[in-house]
């Protein structure tokens, strides 16, 4: 185990998370918490962003979480949380 890393969420991701209720919210928050302790976790798939950075996308029930690890800074950046059918 490498962690813990600091977790940062974009404001849009925070707003989405605030609107999620019940089991889906617990799945998403448990995954985010686990990322801090296991920062080398990969998503179900990945895509490059505009800068070429590899973004990981993890599908958790009906939601998809997009994130990347800034290992030199020991930080996980959560860039997006959205309905998985729109991911």
PDB file of N, CA and C in Angstrom:
ATOM      1  N   UNK A   1       0.847  -1.191   0.000  1.00  0.00           N
ATOM      2  CA  UNK A   1       0.000   0.000   0.000  1.00  0.00           C
ATOM      3  C   UNK A   1       0.882   1.239   0.000  1.00  0.00           C
ATOM      4  N   UNK A   2       0.605   2.162  -0.916  1.00  0.00           N
ATOM      5  CA  UNK A   2       1.380   3.379  -1.070  1.00  0.00           C
ATOM      6  C   UNK A   2       0.788   4.531  -0.279  1.00  0.00           C
ATOM      7  N   UNK A   3      -0.508   4.734  -0.320  1.00  0.00           N
ATOM      8  CA  UNK A   3      -1.263   5.896   0.182  1.00  0.00           C
ATOM      9  C   UNK A   3      -0.767   6.423   1.497  1.00  0.00           C
ATOM     10  N   UNK A   4      -1.400   7.344   2.108  1.00  0.00           N
ATOM     11  CA  UNK A   4      -2.575   7.991   1.513  1.00  0.00           C
ATOM     12  C   UNK A   4      -2.195   9.180   0.627  1.00  0.00           C
ATOM     13  N   UNK A   5      -2.932   9.357  -0.413  1.00  0.00           N
ATOM     14  CA  UNK A   5      -2.811  10.516  -1.292  1.00  0.00           C
ATOM     15  C   UNK A   5      -3.932  11.486  -0.910  1.00  0.00           C
ATOM     16  N   UNK A   6      -3.743  12.725  -1.253  1.00  0.00           N
ATOM     17  CA  UNK A   6      -4.780  13.743  -1.083  1.00  0.00           C
ATOM     18  C   UNK A   6      -5.749  13.618  -2.261  1.00  0.00           C
ATOM     19  N   UNK A   7      -7.037  13.816  -2.014  1.00  0.00           N
ATOM     20  CA  UNK A   7      -8.059  13.745  -3.057  1.00  0.00           C
ATOM     21  C   UNK A   7      -8.565  15.152  -3.351  1.00  0.00           C
ATOM     22  N   UNK A   8      -8.637  15.489  -4.633  1.00  0.00           N
ATOM     23  CA  UNK A   8      -9.185  16.768  -5.062  1.00  0.00           C
ATOM     24  C   UNK A   8     -10.306  16.520  -6.055  1.00  0.00           C
ATOM     25  N   UNK A   9     -11.427  17.209  -5.870  1.00  0.00           N
ATOM     26  CA  UNK A   9     -12.571  17.090  -6.773  1.00  0.00           C
ATOM     27  C   UNK A   9     -12.834  18.446  -7.425  1.00  0.00           C
ATOM     28  N   UNK A  10     -13.057  18.428  -8.744  1.00  0.00           N
ATOM     29  CA  UNK A  10     -13.481  19.649  -9.425  1.00  0.00           C
ATOM     30  C   UNK A  10     -14.844  20.045  -8.885  1.00  0.00           C
ATOM     31  N   UNK A  11     -15.150  21.323  -8.941  1.00  0.00           N
ATOM     32  CA  UNK A  11     -16.414  21.812  -8.384  1.00  0.00           C
ATOM     33  C   UNK A  11     -17.620  21.151  -9.040  1.00  0.00           C
ATOM     34  N   UNK A  12     -17.547  20.864 -10.346  1.00  0.00           N
ATOM     35  CA  UNK A  12     -18.656  20.203 -11.028  1.00  0.00           C
ATOM     36  C   UNK A  12     -18.866  18.786 -10.489  1.00  0.00           C
ATOM     37  N   UNK A  13     -17.778  18.095 -10.182  1.00  0.00           N
ATOM     38  CA  UNK A  13     -17.875  16.746  -9.617  1.00  0.00           C
ATOM     39  C   UNK A  13     -18.495  16.796  -8.223  1.00  0.00           C
ATOM     40  N   UNK A  14     -18.139  17.808  -7.463  1.00  0.00           N
ATOM     41  CA  UNK A  14     -18.725  17.970  -6.120  1.00  0.00           C
ATOM     42  C   UNK A  14     -20.229  18.187  -6.231  1.00  0.00           C
ATOM     43  N   UNK A  15     -20.649  19.030  -7.158  1.00  0.00           N
ATOM     44  CA  UNK A  15     -22.086  19.290  -7.335  1.00  0.00           C
ATOM     45  C   UNK A  15     -22.839  18.027  -7.724  1.00  0.00           C
ATOM     46  N   UNK A  16     -22.262  17.237  -8.613  1.00  0.00           N
ATOM     47  CA  UNK A  16     -22.907  15.980  -8.994  1.00  0.00           C
ATOM     48  C   UNK A  16     -23.002  15.051  -7.792  1.00  0.00           C
ATOM     49  N   UNK A  17     -21.910  14.913  -7.052  1.00  0.00           N
ATOM     50  CA  UNK A  17     -21.891  14.035  -5.888  1.00  0.00           C
ATOM     51  C   UNK A  17     -22.934  14.447  -4.861  1.00  0.00           C
ATOM     52  N   UNK A  18     -23.131  15.732  -4.687  1.00  0.00           N
ATOM     53  CA  UNK A  18     -24.149  16.213  -3.743  1.00  0.00           C
ATOM     54  C   UNK A  18     -25.551  15.769  -4.130  1.00  0.00           C
ATOM     55  N   UNK A  19     -25.782  15.577  -5.427  1.00  0.00           N
ATOM     56  CA  UNK A  19     -27.108  15.190  -5.897  1.00  0.00           C
ATOM     57  C   UNK A  19     -27.361  13.695  -5.918  1.00  0.00           C
ATOM     58  N   UNK A  20     -26.333  12.898  -5.685  1.00  0.00           N
ATOM     59  CA  UNK A  20     -26.489  11.441  -5.707  1.00  0.00           C
ATOM     60  C   UNK A  20     -26.975  10.977  -4.336  1.00  0.00           C
ATOM     61  N   UNK A  21     -27.912  10.065  -4.310  1.00  0.00           N
ATOM     62  CA  UNK A  21     -28.479   9.562  -3.056  1.00  0.00           C
ATOM     63  C   UNK A  21     -28.347   8.048  -2.957  1.00  0.00           C
ATOM     64  N   UNK A  22     -28.416   7.536  -1.743  1.00  0.00           N
ATOM     65  CA  UNK A  22     -28.519   6.112  -1.488  1.00  0.00           C
ATOM     66  C   UNK A  22     -27.282   5.311  -1.863  1.00  0.00           C
ATOM     67  N   UNK A  23     -27.527   4.094  -2.343  1.00  0.00           N
ATOM     68  CA  UNK A  23     -26.450   3.163  -2.674  1.00  0.00           C
ATOM     69  C   UNK A  23     -25.488   3.719  -3.720  1.00  0.00           C
ATOM     70  N   UNK A  24     -25.962   4.379  -4.781  1.00  0.00           N
ATOM     71  CA  UNK A  24     -25.002   4.928  -5.739  1.00  0.00           C
ATOM     72  C   UNK A  24     -24.007   5.894  -5.094  1.00  0.00           C
ATOM     73  N   UNK A  25     -24.485   6.718  -4.180  1.00  0.00           N
ATOM     74  CA  UNK A  25     -23.587   7.659  -3.497  1.00  0.00           C
ATOM     75  C   UNK A  25     -22.553   6.903  -2.667  1.00  0.00           C
ATOM     76  N   UNK A  26     -22.996   5.859  -1.974  1.00  0.00           N
ATOM     77  CA  UNK A  26     -22.058   5.075  -1.156  1.00  0.00           C
ATOM     78  C   UNK A  26     -21.000   4.403  -2.030  1.00  0.00           C
ATOM     79  N   UNK A  27     -21.398   3.895  -3.202  1.00  0.00           N
ATOM     80  CA  UNK A  27     -20.434   3.272  -4.118  1.00  0.00           C
ATOM     81  C   UNK A  27     -19.385   4.282  -4.578  1.00  0.00           C
ATOM     82  N   UNK A  28     -19.841   5.456  -4.974  1.00  0.00           N
ATOM     83  CA  UNK A  28     -18.922   6.484  -5.475  1.00  0.00           C
ATOM     84  C   UNK A  28     -17.999   6.975  -4.366  1.00  0.00           C
ATOM     85  N   UNK A  29     -18.537   7.278  -3.202  1.00  0.00           N
ATOM     86  CA  UNK A  29     -17.685   7.799  -2.122  1.00  0.00           C
ATOM     87  C   UNK A  29     -16.717   6.730  -1.615  1.00  0.00           C
ATOM     88  N   UNK A  30     -17.137   5.473  -1.571  1.00  0.00           N
ATOM     89  CA  UNK A  30     -16.227   4.401  -1.147  1.00  0.00           C
ATOM     90  C   UNK A  30     -15.078   4.261  -2.144  1.00  0.00           C
ATOM     91  N   UNK A  31     -15.373   4.382  -3.436  1.00  0.00           N
ATOM     92  CA  UNK A  31     -14.319   4.303  -4.443  1.00  0.00           C
ATOM     93  C   UNK A  31     -13.342   5.470  -4.296  1.00  0.00           C
ATOM     94  N   UNK A  32     -13.855   6.666  -4.114  1.00  0.00           N
ATOM     95  CA  UNK A  32     -12.988   7.838  -3.944  1.00  0.00           C
ATOM     96  C   UNK A  32     -12.113   7.671  -2.712  1.00  0.00           C
ATOM     97  N   UNK A  33     -12.678   7.208  -1.615  1.00  0.00           N
ATOM     98  CA  UNK A  33     -11.893   6.964  -0.401  1.00  0.00           C
ATOM     99  C   UNK A  33     -10.804   5.926  -0.659  1.00  0.00           C
ATOM    100  N   UNK A  34     -11.137   4.870  -1.405  1.00  0.00           N
ATOM    101  CA  UNK A  34     -10.164   3.818  -1.686  1.00  0.00           C
ATOM    102  C   UNK A  34      -9.016   4.333  -2.552  1.00  0.00           C
ATOM    103  N   UNK A  35      -9.293   5.290  -3.440  1.00  0.00           N
ATOM    104  CA  UNK A  35      -8.234   5.857  -4.279  1.00  0.00           C
ATOM    105  C   UNK A  35      -7.131   6.505  -3.453  1.00  0.00           C
ATOM    106  N   UNK A  36      -7.489   7.126  -2.351  1.00  0.00           N
ATOM    107  CA  UNK A  36      -6.489   7.768  -1.499  1.00  0.00           C
ATOM    108  C   UNK A  36      -5.489   6.752  -0.965  1.00  0.00           C
ATOM    109  N   UNK A  37      -5.975   5.562  -0.638  1.00  0.00           N
ATOM    110  CA  UNK A  37      -5.115   4.517  -0.081  1.00  0.00           C
ATOM    111  C   UNK A  37      -4.420   3.694  -1.163  1.00  0.00           C
ATOM    112  N   UNK A  38      -5.042   3.598  -2.338  1.00  0.00           N
ATOM    113  CA  UNK A  38      -4.496   2.797  -3.448  1.00  0.00           C
ATOM    114  C   UNK A  38      -4.434   3.656  -4.713  1.00  0.00           C
ATOM    115  N   UNK A  39      -3.491   4.601  -4.757  1.00  0.00           N
ATOM    116  CA  UNK A  39      -3.462   5.582  -5.841  1.00  0.00           C
ATOM    117  C   UNK A  39      -3.081   5.033  -7.217  1.00  0.00           C
ATOM    118  N   UNK A  40      -2.626   3.801  -7.298  1.00  0.00           N
ATOM    119  CA  UNK A  40      -2.287   3.209  -8.595  1.00  0.00           C
ATOM    120  C   UNK A  40      -3.466   2.432  -9.189  1.00  0.00           C
ATOM    121  N   UNK A  41      -4.644   2.589  -8.588  1.00  0.00           N
ATOM    122  CA  UNK A  41      -5.857   1.977  -9.109  1.00  0.00           C
ATOM    123  C   UNK A  41      -6.122   2.499 -10.514  1.00  0.00           C
ATOM    124  N   UNK A  42      -6.522   1.607 -11.403  1.00  0.00           N
ATOM    125  CA  UNK A  42      -6.877   1.999 -12.759  1.00  0.00           C
ATOM    126  C   UNK A  42      -8.377   1.918 -12.940  1.00  0.00           C
ATOM    127  N   UNK A  43      -8.873   2.631 -13.915  1.00  0.00           N
ATOM    128  CA  UNK A  43     -10.292   2.594 -14.227  1.00  0.00           C
ATOM    129  C   UNK A  43     -10.644   1.397 -15.080  1.00  0.00           C
ATOM    130  N   UNK A  44     -11.899   1.315 -15.462  1.00  0.00           N
ATOM    131  CA  UNK A  44     -12.352   0.267 -16.368  1.00  0.00           C
ATOM    132  C   UNK A  44     -11.833   0.522 -17.778  1.00  0.00           C
ATOM    133  N   UNK A  45     -11.628   1.778 -18.088  1.00  0.00           N
ATOM    134  CA  UNK A  45     -11.000   2.160 -19.348  1.00  0.00           C
ATOM    135  C   UNK A  45     -10.350   3.522 -19.155  1.00  0.00           C
ATOM    136  N   UNK A  46      -9.565   3.954 -20.137  1.00  0.00           N
ATOM    137  CA  UNK A  46      -8.902   5.249 -20.029  1.00  0.00           C
ATOM    138  C   UNK A  46      -8.912   5.953 -21.372  1.00  0.00           C
ATOM    139  N   UNK A  47      -8.808   7.270 -21.295  1.00  0.00           N
ATOM    140  CA  UNK A  47      -8.779   8.134 -22.468  1.00  0.00           C
ATOM    141  C   UNK A  47      -7.790   9.260 -22.211  1.00  0.00           C
ATOM    142  N   UNK A  48      -7.089   9.726 -23.239  1.00  0.00           N
ATOM    143  CA  UNK A  48      -6.209  10.878 -23.038  1.00  0.00           C
ATOM    144  C   UNK A  48      -7.024  12.170 -22.998  1.00  0.00           C
ATOM    145  N   UNK A  49      -6.574  13.125 -22.174  1.00  0.00           N
ATOM    146  CA  UNK A  49      -7.219  14.436 -22.189  1.00  0.00           C
ATOM    147  C   UNK A  49      -6.529  15.308 -23.238  1.00  0.00           C
ATOM    148  N   UNK A  50      -6.858  16.583 -23.282  1.00  0.00           N
ATOM    149  CA  UNK A  50      -6.316  17.491 -24.297  1.00  0.00           C
ATOM    150  C   UNK A  50      -4.798  17.646 -24.195  1.00  0.00           C
ATOM    151  N   UNK A  51      -4.239  17.399 -23.008  1.00  0.00           N
ATOM    152  CA  UNK A  51      -2.789  17.529 -22.822  1.00  0.00           C
ATOM    153  C   UNK A  51      -2.061  16.204 -23.018  1.00  0.00           C
ATOM    154  N   UNK A  52      -2.814  15.129 -23.275  1.00  0.00           N
ATOM    155  CA  UNK A  52      -2.212  13.813 -23.429  1.00  0.00           C
ATOM    156  C   UNK A  52      -2.160  13.011 -22.139  1.00  0.00           C
ATOM    157  N   UNK A  53      -2.628  13.605 -21.050  1.00  0.00           N
ATOM    158  CA  UNK A  53      -2.667  12.908 -19.760  1.00  0.00           C
ATOM    159  C   UNK A  53      -3.678  11.774 -19.830  1.00  0.00           C
ATOM    160  N   UNK A  54      -3.350  10.648 -19.242  1.00  0.00           N
ATOM    161  CA  UNK A  54      -4.216   9.481 -19.245  1.00  0.00           C
ATOM    162  C   UNK A  54      -5.264   9.611 -18.138  1.00  0.00           C
ATOM    163  N   UNK A  55      -6.531   9.776 -18.530  1.00  0.00           N
ATOM    164  CA  UNK A  55      -7.631   9.846 -17.572  1.00  0.00           C
ATOM    165  C   UNK A  55      -8.254   8.459 -17.443  1.00  0.00           C
ATOM    166  N   UNK A  56      -8.468   8.035 -16.210  1.00  0.00           N
ATOM    167  CA  UNK A  56      -9.114   6.752 -15.944  1.00  0.00           C
ATOM    168  C   UNK A  56     -10.597   6.985 -15.690  1.00  0.00           C
ATOM    169  N   UNK A  57     -11.415   6.083 -16.202  1.00  0.00           N
ATOM    170  CA  UNK A  57     -12.850   6.137 -15.974  1.00  0.00           C
ATOM    171  C   UNK A  57     -13.274   4.835 -15.313  1.00  0.00           C
ATOM    172  N   UNK A  58     -13.871   4.957 -14.143  1.00  0.00           N
ATOM    173  CA  UNK A  58     -14.352   3.805 -13.385  1.00  0.00           C
ATOM    174  C   UNK A  58     -15.873   3.872 -13.325  1.00  0.00           C
ATOM    175  N   UNK A  59     -16.541   2.817 -13.784  1.00  0.00           N
ATOM    176  CA  UNK A  59     -17.996   2.757 -13.734  1.00  0.00           C
ATOM    177  C   UNK A  59     -18.392   2.075 -12.432  1.00  0.00           C
ATOM    178  N   UNK A  60     -19.232   2.757 -11.687  1.00  0.00           N
ATOM    179  CA  UNK A  60     -19.693   2.279 -10.376  1.00  0.00           C
ATOM    180  C   UNK A  60     -21.219   2.306 -10.386  1.00  0.00           C
ATOM    181  N   UNK A  61     -21.803   1.190 -10.717  1.00  0.00           N
ATOM    182  CA  UNK A  61     -23.261   1.147 -10.820  1.00  0.00           C
ATOM    183  C   UNK A  61     -23.723   2.059 -11.936  1.00  0.00           C
ATOM    184  N   UNK A  62     -24.519   3.052 -11.610  1.00  0.00           N
ATOM    185  CA  UNK A  62     -25.076   3.946 -12.627  1.00  0.00           C
ATOM    186  C   UNK A  62     -24.266   5.235 -12.805  1.00  0.00           C
ATOM    187  N   UNK A  63     -23.078   5.307 -12.206  1.00  0.00           N
ATOM    188  CA  UNK A  63     -22.233   6.501 -12.319  1.00  0.00           C
ATOM    189  C   UNK A  63     -20.839   6.149 -12.807  1.00  0.00           C
ATOM    190  N   UNK A  64     -20.208   7.107 -13.470  1.00  0.00           N
ATOM    191  CA  UNK A  64     -18.834   6.963 -13.931  1.00  0.00           C
ATOM    192  C   UNK A  64     -17.994   8.070 -13.288  1.00  0.00           C
ATOM    193  N   UNK A  65     -16.837   7.688 -12.748  1.00  0.00           N
ATOM    194  CA  UNK A  65     -15.922   8.624 -12.114  1.00  0.00           C
ATOM    195  C   UNK A  65     -14.668   8.711 -12.978  1.00  0.00           C
ATOM    196  N   UNK A  66     -14.313   9.936 -13.361  1.00  0.00           N
ATOM    197  CA  UNK A  66     -13.102  10.166 -14.152  1.00  0.00           C
ATOM    198  C   UNK A  66     -12.047  10.757 -13.230  1.00  0.00           C
ATOM    199  N   UNK A  67     -10.830  10.191 -13.293  1.00  0.00           N
ATOM    200  CA  UNK A  67      -9.781  10.620 -12.372  1.00  0.00           C
ATOM    201  C   UNK A  67      -8.403  10.392 -12.980  1.00  0.00           C
ATOM    202  N   UNK A  68      -7.410  11.047 -12.383  1.00  0.00           N
ATOM    203  CA  UNK A  68      -6.014  10.788 -12.719  1.00  0.00           C
ATOM    204  C   UNK A  68      -5.178  11.003 -11.475  1.00  0.00           C
ATOM    205  N   UNK A  69      -4.053  10.331 -11.437  1.00  0.00           N
ATOM    206  CA  UNK A  69      -3.158  10.409 -10.283  1.00  0.00           C
ATOM    207  C   UNK A  69      -1.967  11.293 -10.616  1.00  0.00           C
ATOM    208  N   UNK A  70      -1.719  12.260  -9.748  1.00  0.00           N
ATOM    209  CA  UNK A  70      -0.525  13.104  -9.838  1.00  0.00           C
ATOM    210  C   UNK A  70       0.450  12.549  -8.800  1.00  0.00           C
ATOM    211  N   UNK A  71       1.216  11.545  -9.212  1.00  0.00           N
ATOM    212  CA  UNK A  71       2.067  10.838  -8.260  1.00  0.00           C
ATOM    213  C   UNK A  71       3.151  11.711  -7.634  1.00  0.00           C
ATOM    214  N   UNK A  72       3.825  12.593  -8.380  1.00  0.00           N
ATOM    215  CA  UNK A  72       4.827  13.436  -7.726  1.00  0.00           C
ATOM    216  C   UNK A  72       4.239  14.297  -6.596  1.00  0.00           C
ATOM    217  N   UNK A  73       3.001  14.750  -6.781  1.00  0.00           N
ATOM    218  CA  UNK A  73       2.340  15.569  -5.761  1.00  0.00           C
ATOM    219  C   UNK A  73       1.589  14.731  -4.730  1.00  0.00           C
ATOM    220  N   UNK A  74       1.473  13.403  -4.975  1.00  0.00           N
ATOM    221  CA  UNK A  74       0.717  12.499  -4.109  1.00  0.00           C
ATOM    222  C   UNK A  74      -0.731  12.948  -3.981  1.00  0.00           C
ATOM    223  N   UNK A  75      -1.338  13.191  -5.172  1.00  0.00           N
ATOM    224  CA  UNK A  75      -2.720  13.657  -5.240  1.00  0.00           C
ATOM    225  C   UNK A  75      -3.492  12.870  -6.294  1.00  0.00           C
ATOM    226  N   UNK A  76      -4.776  12.668  -6.024  1.00  0.00           N
ATOM    227  CA  UNK A  76      -5.703  12.100  -6.989  1.00  0.00           C
ATOM    228  C   UNK A  76      -6.666  13.211  -7.371  1.00  0.00           C
ATOM    229  N   UNK A  77      -6.813  13.439  -8.663  1.00  0.00           N
ATOM    230  CA  UNK A  77      -7.703  14.483  -9.164  1.00  0.00           C
ATOM    231  C   UNK A  77      -8.953  13.816  -9.738  1.00  0.00           C
ATOM    232  N   UNK A  78     -10.098  14.112  -9.152  1.00  0.00           N
ATOM    233  CA  UNK A  78     -11.386  13.637  -9.658  1.00  0.00           C
ATOM    234  C   UNK A  78     -11.900  14.756 -10.558  1.00  0.00           C
ATOM    235  N   UNK A  79     -11.938  14.493 -11.859  1.00  0.00           N
ATOM    236  CA  UNK A  79     -12.299  15.544 -12.797  1.00  0.00           C
ATOM    237  C   UNK A  79     -13.765  15.528 -13.189  1.00  0.00           C
ATOM    238  N   UNK A  80     -14.436  14.366 -13.030  1.00  0.00           N
ATOM    239  CA  UNK A  80     -15.819  14.290 -13.459  1.00  0.00           C
ATOM    240  C   UNK A  80     -16.534  13.132 -12.769  1.00  0.00           C
ATOM    241  N   UNK A  81     -17.775  13.352 -12.422  1.00  0.00           N
ATOM    242  CA  UNK A  81     -18.690  12.309 -11.972  1.00  0.00           C
ATOM    243  C   UNK A  81     -19.971  12.531 -12.755  1.00  0.00           C
ATOM    244  N   UNK A  82     -20.439  11.500 -13.445  1.00  0.00           N
ATOM    245  CA  UNK A  82     -21.654  11.655 -14.247  1.00  0.00           C
ATOM    246  C   UNK A  82     -22.390  10.339 -14.351  1.00  0.00           C
ATOM    247  N   UNK A  83     -23.619  10.445 -14.806  1.00  0.00           N
ATOM    248  CA  UNK A  83     -24.413   9.250 -15.052  1.00  0.00           C
ATOM    249  C   UNK A  83     -23.662   8.385 -16.056  1.00  0.00           C
ATOM    250  N   UNK A  84     -23.555   7.095 -15.793  1.00  0.00           N
ATOM    251  CA  UNK A  84     -22.768   6.208 -16.654  1.00  0.00           C
ATOM    252  C   UNK A  84     -23.333   6.119 -18.056  1.00  0.00           C
ATOM    253  N   UNK A  85     -24.593   6.351 -18.234  1.00  0.00           N
ATOM    254  CA  UNK A  85     -25.152   6.299 -19.587  1.00  0.00           C
ATOM    255  C   UNK A  85     -24.765   7.509 -20.420  1.00  0.00           C
ATOM    256  N   UNK A  86     -24.140   8.524 -19.767  1.00  0.00           N
ATOM    257  CA  UNK A  86     -23.631   9.695 -20.491  1.00  0.00           C
ATOM    258  C   UNK A  86     -22.119   9.708 -20.545  1.00  0.00           C
ATOM    259  N   UNK A  87     -21.462   8.721 -19.939  1.00  0.00           N
ATOM    260  CA  UNK A  87     -19.996   8.721 -19.839  1.00  0.00           C
ATOM    261  C   UNK A  87     -19.330   8.505 -21.180  1.00  0.00           C
TER     262      UNK A  87
END
